[in-house]
PDB file of N, CA and C in Angstrom:
ATOM      1  N   MET A   1       1.268   2.972  12.234  1.00  0.00           N
ATOM      2  CA  MET A   1       1.286   3.052  11.075  1.00  0.00           C
ATOM      3  C   MET A   1       0.145   2.609   9.860  1.00  0.00           C
ATOM      4  N   SER A   2      -0.224   3.083   9.215  1.00  0.00           N
ATOM      5  CA  SER A   2      -1.822   2.627   8.615  1.00  0.00           C
ATOM      6  C   SER A   2      -0.938   2.800   7.014  1.00  0.00           C
ATOM      7  N   ASN A   3      -1.479   1.672   6.659  1.00  0.00           N
ATOM      8  CA  ASN A   3      -0.717   1.624   4.987  1.00  0.00           C
ATOM      9  C   ASN A   3      -1.846   3.002   3.877  1.00  0.00           C
ATOM     10  N   PHE A   4      -0.836   2.755   2.942  1.00  0.00           N
ATOM     11  CA  PHE A   4      -1.326   3.513   2.066  1.00  0.00           C
ATOM     12  C   PHE A   4      -1.280   3.071   0.296  1.00  0.00           C
ATOM     13  N   GLY A   5      -2.521   3.682  -0.052  1.00  0.00           N
ATOM     14  CA  GLY A   5      -2.159   2.656  -1.506  1.00  0.00           C
ATOM     15  C   GLY A   5      -2.920   3.336  -1.767  1.00  0.00           C
ATOM     16  N   LEU A   6      -2.883   3.308  -3.852  1.00  0.00           N
ATOM     17  CA  LEU A   6      -3.326   3.969  -5.261  1.00  0.00           C
ATOM     18  C   LEU A   6      -3.263   2.678  -6.184  1.00  0.00           C
ATOM     19  N   PHE A   7      -4.428   3.469  -6.757  1.00  0.00           N
ATOM     20  CA  PHE A   7      -5.387   2.794  -7.618  1.00  0.00           C
ATOM     21  C   PHE A   7      -4.850   3.160  -8.166  1.00  0.00           C
ATOM     22  N   VAL A   8      -4.118   2.499  -9.780  1.00  0.00           N
ATOM     23  CA  VAL A   8      -4.125   3.909 -11.179  1.00  0.00           C
ATOM     24  C   VAL A   8      -4.562   3.129 -12.526  1.00  0.00           C
ATOM     25  N   ARG A   9      -5.451   3.781 -13.479  1.00  0.00           N
ATOM     26  CA  ARG A   9      -6.052   2.830 -14.527  1.00  0.00           C
ATOM     27  C   ARG A   9      -5.282   4.633 -15.720  1.00  0.00           C
ATOM     28  N   PHE A  10      -4.362   3.495 -16.739  1.00  0.00           N
ATOM     29  CA  PHE A  10      -3.497   4.016 -17.776  1.00  0.00           C
ATOM     30  C   PHE A  10      -4.836   3.723 -18.992  1.00  0.00           C
ATOM     31  N   THR A  11      -4.800   4.956 -19.880  1.00  0.00           N
ATOM     32  CA  THR A  11      -4.745   4.247 -21.285  1.00  0.00           C
ATOM     33  C   THR A  11      -4.181   4.947 -22.284  1.00  0.00           C
ATOM     34  N   LEU A  12      -3.808   3.966 -22.649  1.00  0.00           N
ATOM     35  CA  LEU A  12      -2.580   4.025 -23.714  1.00  0.00           C
ATOM     36  C   LEU A  12      -2.892   4.257 -24.802  1.00  0.00           C
ATOM     37  N   ARG A  13      -1.781   4.893 -25.795  1.00  0.00           N
ATOM     38  CA  ARG A  13      -2.022   5.626 -27.579  1.00  0.00           C
ATOM     39  C   ARG A  13      -1.547   4.229 -28.166  1.00  0.00           C
ATOM     40  N   ASP A  14      -3.118   4.359 -28.920  1.00  0.00           N
ATOM     41  CA  ASP A  14      -2.837   2.788 -29.645  1.00  0.00           C
ATOM     42  C   ASP A  14      -1.149   2.478 -30.384  1.00  0.00           C
ATOM     43  N   GLY A  15      -0.320   1.451 -30.107  1.00  0.00           N
ATOM     44  CA  GLY A  15       0.429   0.893 -30.493  1.00  0.00           C
ATOM     45  C   GLY A  15       1.422   1.149 -29.484  1.00  0.00           C
ATOM     46  N   ALA A  16       1.241   1.584 -28.398  1.00  0.00           N
ATOM     47  CA  ALA A  16       2.260   1.686 -27.292  1.00  0.00           C
ATOM     48  C   ALA A  16       2.418   1.239 -26.169  1.00  0.00           C
ATOM     49  N   ALA A  17       1.655   0.008 -26.394  1.00  0.00           N
ATOM     50  CA  ALA A  17       1.410  -1.082 -24.877  1.00  0.00           C
ATOM     51  C   ALA A  17       2.894  -1.585 -24.852  1.00  0.00           C
ATOM     52  N   ALA A  18       3.852  -1.953 -25.568  1.00  0.00           N
ATOM     53  CA  ALA A  18       4.806  -2.643 -26.247  1.00  0.00           C
ATOM     54  C   ALA A  18       5.958  -1.805 -25.383  1.00  0.00           C
ATOM     55  N   ASP A  19       5.985  -0.504 -25.737  1.00  0.00           N
ATOM     56  CA  ASP A  19       7.238   0.160 -25.055  1.00  0.00           C
ATOM     57  C   ASP A  19       6.511   0.725 -23.819  1.00  0.00           C
ATOM     58  N   PHE A  20       5.402   0.833 -23.560  1.00  0.00           N
ATOM     59  CA  PHE A  20       4.795   0.800 -22.014  1.00  0.00           C
ATOM     60  C   PHE A  20       5.188   0.140 -21.131  1.00  0.00           C
ATOM     61  N   ASP A  21       4.963  -1.087 -21.507  1.00  0.00           N
ATOM     62  CA  ASP A  21       5.324  -2.554 -20.722  1.00  0.00           C
ATOM     63  C   ASP A  21       6.665  -2.726 -20.583  1.00  0.00           C
ATOM     64  N   ALA A  22       7.396  -2.535 -21.439  1.00  0.00           N
ATOM     65  CA  ALA A  22       9.463  -2.442 -21.140  1.00  0.00           C
ATOM     66  C   ALA A  22       9.168  -1.015 -19.787  1.00  0.00           C
ATOM     67  N   LEU A  23       8.656   0.269 -20.411  1.00  0.00           N
ATOM     68  CA  LEU A  23       8.794   0.966 -18.920  1.00  0.00           C
ATOM     69  C   LEU A  23       8.574   1.115 -17.581  1.00  0.00           C
ATOM     70  N   VAL A  24       7.790   0.137 -17.445  1.00  0.00           N
ATOM     71  CA  VAL A  24       7.083  -0.574 -16.065  1.00  0.00           C
ATOM     72  C   VAL A  24       8.002  -1.831 -15.708  1.00  0.00           C
ATOM     73  N   ARG A  25       8.132  -2.793 -16.782  1.00  0.00           N
ATOM     74  CA  ARG A  25       9.487  -3.786 -16.571  1.00  0.00           C
ATOM     75  C   ARG A  25      10.778  -3.142 -15.529  1.00  0.00           C
ATOM     76  N   LYS A  26      11.139  -2.222 -16.267  1.00  0.00           N
ATOM     77  CA  LYS A  26      12.374  -1.206 -15.740  1.00  0.00           C
ATOM     78  C   LYS A  26      11.869  -0.716 -14.344  1.00  0.00           C
ATOM     79  N   THR A  27      11.157   0.229 -14.600  1.00  0.00           N
ATOM     80  CA  THR A  27      11.158   0.787 -13.695  1.00  0.00           C
ATOM     81  C   THR A  27      10.152  -0.118 -12.031  1.00  0.00           C
ATOM     82  N   THR A  28       9.266  -1.282 -12.587  1.00  0.00           N
ATOM     83  CA  THR A  28       9.454  -1.757 -11.632  1.00  0.00           C
ATOM     84  C   THR A  28      10.861  -3.204 -10.557  1.00  0.00           C
ATOM     85  N   ALA A  29      11.840  -3.190 -11.722  1.00  0.00           N
ATOM     86  CA  ALA A  29      13.088  -4.015 -11.257  1.00  0.00           C
ATOM     87  C   ALA A  29      13.260  -2.655 -10.451  1.00  0.00           C
ATOM     88  N   ALA A  30      13.479  -1.360 -10.550  1.00  0.00           N
ATOM     89  CA  ALA A  30      14.390  -1.100  -9.876  1.00  0.00           C
ATOM     90  C   ALA A  30      13.709  -0.419  -8.519  1.00  0.00           C
ATOM     91  N   ILE A  31      12.211  -0.671  -8.351  1.00  0.00           N
ATOM     92  CA  ILE A  31      11.411  -0.429  -7.129  1.00  0.00           C
ATOM     93  C   ILE A  31      12.019  -2.308  -6.176  1.00  0.00           C
ATOM     94  N   GLU A  32      11.914  -2.748  -6.911  1.00  0.00           N
ATOM     95  CA  GLU A  32      12.194  -4.453  -5.945  1.00  0.00           C
ATOM     96  C   GLU A  32      12.905  -4.371  -5.594  1.00  0.00           C
ATOM     97  N   ALA A  33      14.760  -3.420  -6.346  1.00  0.00           N
ATOM     98  CA  ALA A  33      15.845  -3.468  -5.589  1.00  0.00           C
ATOM     99  C   ALA A  33      16.077  -2.443  -4.680  1.00  0.00           C
ATOM    100  N   LYS A  34      15.265  -1.426  -4.677  1.00  0.00           N
ATOM    101  CA  LYS A  34      15.557  -0.075  -3.647  1.00  0.00           C
ATOM    102  C   LYS A  34      14.183   0.306  -2.974  1.00  0.00           C
ATOM    103  N   GLU A  35      12.990  -0.206  -2.868  1.00  0.00           N
ATOM    104  CA  GLU A  35      12.597   0.370  -2.344  1.00  0.00           C
ATOM    105  C   GLU A  35      11.344  -0.481  -1.456  1.00  0.00           C
ATOM    106  N   PRO A  36      12.366  -0.651  -0.265  1.00  0.00           N
ATOM    107  CA  PRO A  36      11.637  -1.875   0.900  1.00  0.00           C
ATOM    108  C   PRO A  36       9.995  -1.481   1.367  1.00  0.00           C
ATOM    109  N   GLY A  37       9.789   0.152   1.396  1.00  0.00           N
ATOM    110  CA  GLY A  37       8.677  -0.103   1.936  1.00  0.00           C
ATOM    111  C   GLY A  37       7.480   0.164   0.810  1.00  0.00           C
ATOM    112  N   THR A  38       7.816  -0.125  -0.846  1.00  0.00           N
ATOM    113  CA  THR A  38       7.169  -0.189  -1.481  1.00  0.00           C
ATOM    114  C   THR A  38       6.119  -2.021  -1.121  1.00  0.00           C
ATOM    115  N   LEU A  39       4.991  -2.200  -0.512  1.00  0.00           N
ATOM    116  CA  LEU A  39       4.838  -3.571  -0.381  1.00  0.00           C
ATOM    117  C   LEU A  39       4.204  -4.262  -1.499  1.00  0.00           C
ATOM    118  N   VAL A  40       3.713  -3.323  -2.369  1.00  0.00           N
ATOM    119  CA  VAL A  40       2.737  -4.612  -3.447  1.00  0.00           C
ATOM    120  C   VAL A  40       3.258  -3.067  -4.040  1.00  0.00           C
ATOM    121  N   TYR A  41       3.621  -3.400  -5.856  1.00  0.00           N
ATOM    122  CA  TYR A  41       3.675  -2.693  -7.146  1.00  0.00           C
ATOM    123  C   TYR A  41       2.972  -3.163  -8.133  1.00  0.00           C
ATOM    124  N   ALA A  42       2.078  -3.855  -8.727  1.00  0.00           N
ATOM    125  CA  ALA A  42       1.912  -4.206  -9.593  1.00  0.00           C
ATOM    126  C   ALA A  42       1.082  -3.721 -10.653  1.00  0.00           C
ATOM    127  N   CYS A  43       1.272  -4.049 -11.831  1.00  0.00           N
ATOM    128  CA  CYS A  43       0.422  -3.303 -13.389  1.00  0.00           C
ATOM    129  C   CYS A  43      -0.201  -4.893 -13.596  1.00  0.00           C
ATOM    130  N   HIS A  44      -1.213  -4.899 -14.339  1.00  0.00           N
ATOM    131  CA  HIS A  44      -2.009  -5.380 -14.876  1.00  0.00           C
ATOM    132  C   HIS A  44      -2.572  -5.194 -16.014  1.00  0.00           C
ATOM    133  N   THR A  45      -2.943  -6.121 -17.535  1.00  0.00           N
ATOM    134  CA  THR A  45      -3.726  -6.051 -18.507  1.00  0.00           C
ATOM    135  C   THR A  45      -5.030  -5.982 -18.089  1.00  0.00           C
ATOM    136  N   VAL A  46      -5.742  -5.802 -18.693  1.00  0.00           N
ATOM    137  CA  VAL A  46      -6.943  -5.217 -18.385  1.00  0.00           C
ATOM    138  C   VAL A  46      -8.285  -6.291 -19.676  1.00  0.00           C
ATOM    139  N   GLU A  47      -8.608  -7.613 -19.613  1.00  0.00           N
ATOM    140  CA  GLU A  47      -9.246  -8.267 -20.434  1.00  0.00           C
ATOM    141  C   GLU A  47      -9.864  -7.888 -21.459  1.00  0.00           C
ATOM    142  N   GLY A  48      -9.815  -8.038 -22.367  1.00  0.00           N
ATOM    143  CA  GLY A  48     -10.735  -7.173 -23.505  1.00  0.00           C
ATOM    144  C   GLY A  48     -10.516  -5.534 -23.378  1.00  0.00           C
ATOM    145  N   ALA A  49      -9.360  -4.921 -23.255  1.00  0.00           N
ATOM    146  CA  ALA A  49      -8.892  -3.843 -23.145  1.00  0.00           C
ATOM    147  C   ALA A  49      -6.945  -3.939 -23.543  1.00  0.00           C
ATOM    148  N   PRO A  50      -6.969  -4.146 -25.019  1.00  0.00           N
ATOM    149  CA  PRO A  50      -5.581  -3.551 -24.530  1.00  0.00           C
ATOM    150  C   PRO A  50      -4.875  -2.384 -24.655  1.00  0.00           C
ATOM    151  N   ASN A  51      -5.389  -1.502 -24.217  1.00  0.00           N
ATOM    152  CA  ASN A  51      -4.642  -0.095 -24.066  1.00  0.00           C
ATOM    153  C   ASN A  51      -4.799   0.328 -22.583  1.00  0.00           C
ATOM    154  N   GLU A  52      -5.394  -0.746 -21.404  1.00  0.00           N
ATOM    155  CA  GLU A  52      -5.766  -0.349 -20.845  1.00  0.00           C
ATOM    156  C   GLU A  52      -3.870  -0.563 -19.766  1.00  0.00           C
ATOM    157  N   ARG A  53      -4.288  -0.478 -18.714  1.00  0.00           N
ATOM    158  CA  ARG A  53      -3.409  -0.486 -17.749  1.00  0.00           C
ATOM    159  C   ARG A  53      -3.879  -0.488 -16.514  1.00  0.00           C
ATOM    160  N   ILE A  54      -4.036  -1.125 -15.550  1.00  0.00           N
ATOM    161  CA  ILE A  54      -4.298  -0.899 -13.601  1.00  0.00           C
ATOM    162  C   ILE A  54      -2.909  -1.076 -13.132  1.00  0.00           C
ATOM    163  N   PHE A  55      -2.731  -0.525 -11.760  1.00  0.00           N
ATOM    164  CA  PHE A  55      -1.655  -0.351 -11.434  1.00  0.00           C
ATOM    165  C   PHE A  55      -2.575  -0.543  -9.892  1.00  0.00           C
ATOM    166  N   PHE A  56      -1.959  -1.286  -8.815  1.00  0.00           N
ATOM    167  CA  PHE A  56      -1.664  -1.463  -7.948  1.00  0.00           C
ATOM    168  C   PHE A  56      -0.943  -1.267  -7.196  1.00  0.00           C
ATOM    169  N   GLU A  57      -0.461   0.156  -5.632  1.00  0.00           N
ATOM    170  CA  GLU A  57       0.401   0.103  -5.250  1.00  0.00           C
ATOM    171  C   GLU A  57      -0.270  -0.210  -3.432  1.00  0.00           C
ATOM    172  N   LEU A  58       0.879  -0.312  -2.968  1.00  0.00           N
ATOM    173  CA  LEU A  58       0.328  -0.300  -1.955  1.00  0.00           C
ATOM    174  C   LEU A  58       1.726  -0.316  -1.340  1.00  0.00           C
ATOM    175  N   TYR A  59       1.830   0.764  -0.105  1.00  0.00           N
ATOM    176  CA  TYR A  59       3.391   1.040   0.552  1.00  0.00           C
ATOM    177  C   TYR A  59       2.974   1.309   2.014  1.00  0.00           C
ATOM    178  N   ARG A  60       4.053   0.888   2.618  1.00  0.00           N
ATOM    179  CA  ARG A  60       4.361   0.583   4.397  1.00  0.00           C
ATOM    180  C   ARG A  60       2.992   1.636   4.649  1.00  0.00           C
ATOM    181  N   ASP A  61       3.680   3.051   4.383  1.00  0.00           N
ATOM    182  CA  ASP A  61       2.488   3.761   4.818  1.00  0.00           C
ATOM    183  C   ASP A  61       2.999   5.431   3.794  1.00  0.00           C
ATOM    184  N   HIS A  62       2.473   6.338   4.217  1.00  0.00           N
ATOM    185  CA  HIS A  62       2.909   8.081   3.535  1.00  0.00           C
ATOM    186  C   HIS A  62       3.872   8.033   3.086  1.00  0.00           C
ATOM    187  N   ALA A  63       4.686   8.341   3.903  1.00  0.00           N
ATOM    188  CA  ALA A  63       5.706   8.390   3.649  1.00  0.00           C
ATOM    189  C   ALA A  63       6.652   7.523   3.117  1.00  0.00           C
ATOM    190  N   ALA A  64       6.438   6.136   2.939  1.00  0.00           N
ATOM    191  CA  ALA A  64       6.786   4.944   2.028  1.00  0.00           C
ATOM    192  C   ALA A  64       6.780   5.435   0.630  1.00  0.00           C
ATOM    193  N   PHE A  65       5.646   6.261   0.160  1.00  0.00           N
ATOM    194  CA  PHE A  65       4.981   6.599  -0.343  1.00  0.00           C
ATOM    195  C   PHE A  65       5.643   7.914  -1.525  1.00  0.00           C
ATOM    196  N   GLU A  66       5.719   8.747  -0.074  1.00  0.00           N
ATOM    197  CA  GLU A  66       6.798  10.201  -0.911  1.00  0.00           C
ATOM    198  C   GLU A  66       8.163   9.074  -1.123  1.00  0.00           C
ATOM    199  N   GLU A  67       8.696   8.502  -0.045  1.00  0.00           N
ATOM    200  CA  GLU A  67      10.492   8.542  -0.913  1.00  0.00           C
ATOM    201  C   GLU A  67       9.896   7.383  -2.081  1.00  0.00           C
ATOM    202  N   HIS A  68       9.061   7.091  -2.191  1.00  0.00           N
ATOM    203  CA  HIS A  68       8.447   6.559  -3.730  1.00  0.00           C
ATOM    204  C   HIS A  68       8.597   7.511  -5.270  1.00  0.00           C
ATOM    205  N   GLU A  69       8.045   8.411  -4.793  1.00  0.00           N
ATOM    206  CA  GLU A  69       8.145  10.014  -5.574  1.00  0.00           C
ATOM    207  C   GLU A  69       9.406   9.651  -6.177  1.00  0.00           C
ATOM    208  N   ARG A  70      10.405  10.352  -4.684  1.00  0.00           N
ATOM    209  CA  ARG A  70      11.660  11.122  -4.825  1.00  0.00           C
ATOM    210  C   ARG A  70      12.993  10.456  -5.548  1.00  0.00           C
ATOM    211  N   GLN A  71      12.408   8.878  -5.724  1.00  0.00           N
ATOM    212  CA  GLN A  71      13.375   7.741  -6.149  1.00  0.00           C
ATOM    213  C   GLN A  71      13.704   8.674  -7.771  1.00  0.00           C
ATOM    214  N   GLU A  72      14.854   8.065  -7.701  1.00  0.00           N
ATOM    215  CA  GLU A  72      15.087   8.496  -9.766  1.00  0.00           C
ATOM    216  C   GLU A  72      14.804   7.772 -10.937  1.00  0.00           C
ATOM    217  N   HIS A  73      14.334   6.437 -10.241  1.00  0.00           N
ATOM    218  CA  HIS A  73      13.509   5.675 -11.208  1.00  0.00           C
ATOM    219  C   HIS A  73      11.907   5.735 -11.562  1.00  0.00           C
ATOM    220  N   THR A  74      11.356   6.739 -10.054  1.00  0.00           N
ATOM    221  CA  THR A  74      10.172   7.080 -10.444  1.00  0.00           C
ATOM    222  C   THR A  74      10.105   8.241 -11.153  1.00  0.00           C
ATOM    223  N   ARG A  75      10.792   8.861 -10.793  1.00  0.00           N
ATOM    224  CA  ARG A  75      11.060  10.257 -11.798  1.00  0.00           C
ATOM    225  C   ARG A  75      10.680   9.701 -13.093  1.00  0.00           C
ATOM    226  N   HIS A  76      11.872   8.830 -13.772  1.00  0.00           N
ATOM    227  CA  HIS A  76      11.728   9.108 -15.025  1.00  0.00           C
ATOM    228  C   HIS A  76      10.820   8.392 -15.599  1.00  0.00           C
ATOM    229  N   PHE A  77       9.856   7.483 -15.111  1.00  0.00           N
ATOM    230  CA  PHE A  77       8.854   6.576 -14.901  1.00  0.00           C
ATOM    231  C   PHE A  77       7.626   8.355 -15.764  1.00  0.00           C
ATOM    232  N   LEU A  78       7.749   8.678 -14.568  1.00  0.00           N
ATOM    233  CA  LEU A  78       6.649   9.990 -14.934  1.00  0.00           C
ATOM    234  C   LEU A  78       6.887  10.695 -15.910  1.00  0.00           C
ATOM    235  N   ALA A  79       8.046  11.194 -15.787  1.00  0.00           N
ATOM    236  CA  ALA A  79       8.746  12.114 -16.953  1.00  0.00           C
ATOM    237  C   ALA A  79       8.380  11.022 -18.411  1.00  0.00           C
ATOM    238  N   GLU A  80       8.528   9.599 -18.590  1.00  0.00           N
ATOM    239  CA  GLU A  80       8.835   9.291 -20.046  1.00  0.00           C
ATOM    240  C   GLU A  80       7.098   8.601 -20.217  1.00  0.00           C
ATOM    241  N   ARG A  81       6.044   8.483 -19.013  1.00  0.00           N
ATOM    242  CA  ARG A  81       4.909   7.540 -19.875  1.00  0.00           C
ATOM    243  C   ARG A  81       3.877   8.377 -20.278  1.00  0.00           C
ATOM    244  N   ASP A  82       4.023  10.021 -20.295  1.00  0.00           N
ATOM    245  CA  ASP A  82       3.287  10.917 -21.232  1.00  0.00           C
ATOM    246  C   ASP A  82       3.572  10.376 -22.972  1.00  0.00           C
ATOM    247  N   LYS A  83       4.089   9.634 -23.230  1.00  0.00           N
ATOM    248  CA  LYS A  83       4.163   9.019 -24.224  1.00  0.00           C
ATOM    249  C   LYS A  83       3.801   8.631 -24.692  1.00  0.00           C
ATOM    250  N   TYR A  84       3.305   7.646 -24.201  1.00  0.00           N
ATOM    251  CA  TYR A  84       2.429   6.298 -24.362  1.00  0.00           C
ATOM    252  C   TYR A  84       1.095   5.962 -23.853  1.00  0.00           C
ATOM    253  N   VAL A  85       0.860   7.309 -22.670  1.00  0.00           N
ATOM    254  CA  VAL A  85      -0.500   7.063 -22.370  1.00  0.00           C
ATOM    255  C   VAL A  85      -1.236   8.577 -22.647  1.00  0.00           C
ATOM    256  N   THR A  86      -2.869   8.501 -23.114  1.00  0.00           N
ATOM    257  CA  THR A  86      -3.539   9.560 -23.337  1.00  0.00           C
ATOM    258  C   THR A  86      -4.327   9.843 -21.938  1.00  0.00           C
ATOM    259  N   LYS A  87      -4.214   8.946 -21.385  1.00  0.00           N
ATOM    260  CA  LYS A  87      -5.358   9.439 -20.002  1.00  0.00           C
ATOM    261  C   LYS A  87      -4.802   8.622 -18.840  1.00  0.00           C
ATOM    262  N   THR A  88      -4.791   9.205 -17.089  1.00  0.00           N
ATOM    263  CA  THR A  88      -4.904   8.364 -16.450  1.00  0.00           C
ATOM    264  C   THR A  88      -5.456   8.848 -15.411  1.00  0.00           C
ATOM    265  N   GLU A  89      -5.574   7.795 -14.620  1.00  0.00           N
ATOM    266  CA  GLU A  89      -7.197   7.837 -13.518  1.00  0.00           C
ATOM    267  C   GLU A  89      -6.272   7.344 -12.031  1.00  0.00           C
ATOM    268  N   VAL A  90      -6.701   7.858 -10.752  1.00  0.00           N
ATOM    269  CA  VAL A  90      -5.309   7.788 -10.014  1.00  0.00           C
ATOM    270  C   VAL A  90      -6.705   8.192  -8.199  1.00  0.00           C
ATOM    271  N   ASP A  91      -6.467   6.614  -7.960  1.00  0.00           N
ATOM    272  CA  ASP A  91      -7.426   7.217  -7.054  1.00  0.00           C
ATOM    273  C   ASP A  91      -6.370   6.988  -5.188  1.00  0.00           C
ATOM    274  N   ARG A  92      -6.609   7.323  -4.554  1.00  0.00           N
ATOM    275  CA  ARG A  92      -5.416   7.711  -3.424  1.00  0.00           C
ATOM    276  C   ARG A  92      -6.098   6.637  -2.516  1.00  0.00           C
ATOM    277  N   MET A  93      -6.122   5.359  -1.738  1.00  0.00           N
ATOM    278  CA  MET A  93      -6.497   4.484  -0.827  1.00  0.00           C
ATOM    279  C   MET A  93      -6.050   4.574   0.432  1.00  0.00           C
ATOM    280  N   THR A  94      -6.863   4.575   1.092  1.00  0.00           N
ATOM    281  CA  THR A  94      -6.058   4.051   3.158  1.00  0.00           C
ATOM    282  C   THR A  94      -7.420   3.124   3.359  1.00  0.00           C
ATOM    283  N   PRO A  95      -6.545   1.903   3.277  1.00  0.00           N
ATOM    284  CA  PRO A  95      -6.884   0.412   3.583  1.00  0.00           C
ATOM    285  C   PRO A  95      -7.682   0.454   5.149  1.00  0.00           C
ATOM    286  N   PHE A  96      -8.309  -0.651   5.167  1.00  0.00           N
ATOM    287  CA  PHE A  96      -9.368  -0.164   6.350  1.00  0.00           C
ATOM    288  C   PHE A  96      -9.593  -1.670   7.054  1.00  0.00           C
ATOM    289  N   ALA A  97      -9.904  -2.646   5.725  1.00  0.00           N
ATOM    290  CA  ALA A  97     -10.272  -4.304   5.999  1.00  0.00           C
ATOM    291  C   ALA A  97      -9.855  -4.835   4.951  1.00  0.00           C
ATOM    292  N   GLY A  98      -9.338  -6.262   5.082  1.00  0.00           N
ATOM    293  CA  GLY A  98      -8.751  -7.334   3.961  1.00  0.00           C
ATOM    294  C   GLY A  98      -7.478  -7.745   4.407  1.00  0.00           C
ATOM    295  N   LYS A  99      -6.864  -8.453   3.698  1.00  0.00           N
ATOM    296  CA  LYS A  99      -5.656  -9.299   3.670  1.00  0.00           C
ATOM    297  C   LYS A  99      -4.738  -8.518   3.344  1.00  0.00           C
ATOM    298  N   TYR A 100      -3.801  -8.011   4.005  1.00  0.00           N
ATOM    299  CA  TYR A 100      -2.441  -7.143   3.555  1.00  0.00           C
ATOM    300  C   TYR A 100      -0.973  -7.909   4.067  1.00  0.00           C
ATOM    301  N   PRO A 101       0.196  -7.458   2.908  1.00  0.00           N
ATOM    302  CA  PRO A 101       1.114  -8.081   3.146  1.00  0.00           C
ATOM    303  C   PRO A 101       2.046  -7.493   4.451  1.00  0.00           C
ATOM    304  N   THR A 102       2.224  -8.133   5.279  1.00  0.00           N
ATOM    305  CA  THR A 102       3.486  -7.305   6.258  1.00  0.00           C
ATOM    306  C   THR A 102       4.680  -8.011   6.136  1.00  0.00           C
ATOM    307  N   GLU A 103       5.222  -6.917   6.741  1.00  0.00           N
ATOM    308  CA  GLU A 103       7.270  -7.162   6.716  1.00  0.00           C
ATOM    309  C   GLU A 103       7.023  -8.025   7.611  1.00  0.00           C
ATOM    310  N   ALA A 104       6.126  -8.915   8.476  1.00  0.00           N
ATOM    311  CA  ALA A 104       6.702 -10.131   8.800  1.00  0.00           C
ATOM    312  C   ALA A 104       6.188 -11.279   8.909  1.00  0.00           C
ATOM    313  N   ASN A 105       5.452 -11.313   7.390  1.00  0.00           N
ATOM    314  CA  ASN A 105       5.392 -12.809   6.303  1.00  0.00           C
ATOM    315  C   ASN A 105       6.270 -11.983   5.435  1.00  0.00           C
ATOM    316  N   GLY A 106       6.670 -11.823   5.225  1.00  0.00           N
ATOM    317  CA  GLY A 106       7.855 -11.359   3.688  1.00  0.00           C
ATOM    318  C   GLY A 106       6.927 -10.392   2.538  1.00  0.00           C
ATOM    319  N   GLY A 107       5.713  -9.505   3.319  1.00  0.00           N
ATOM    320  CA  GLY A 107       5.352  -8.746   2.268  1.00  0.00           C
ATOM    321  C   GLY A 107       6.047  -7.348   1.792  1.00  0.00           C
TER     322      GLY A 107
END
């Protein structure tokens, strides 16, 4: 089975960054504790763009992504994020080349 990934760019409302980031940290802690099929779930700030956040998500396979979407903490994040976000752009990706974490090496 091949990995499945997402690249997501959020544009935040003015003044919403701290609250959005707190929501992300809470969600990420639950993902780390409860989602072995989520290999990478990383949120980044964007240099020179304080209202932008970029997520890179990598799942063991599409089934692991679907399991992520069913989790209570994910549903909570999706329900709450609209308070902080003005625009969301999502790219769904299937890796074909590169270096990716594997379960054999602790990823």
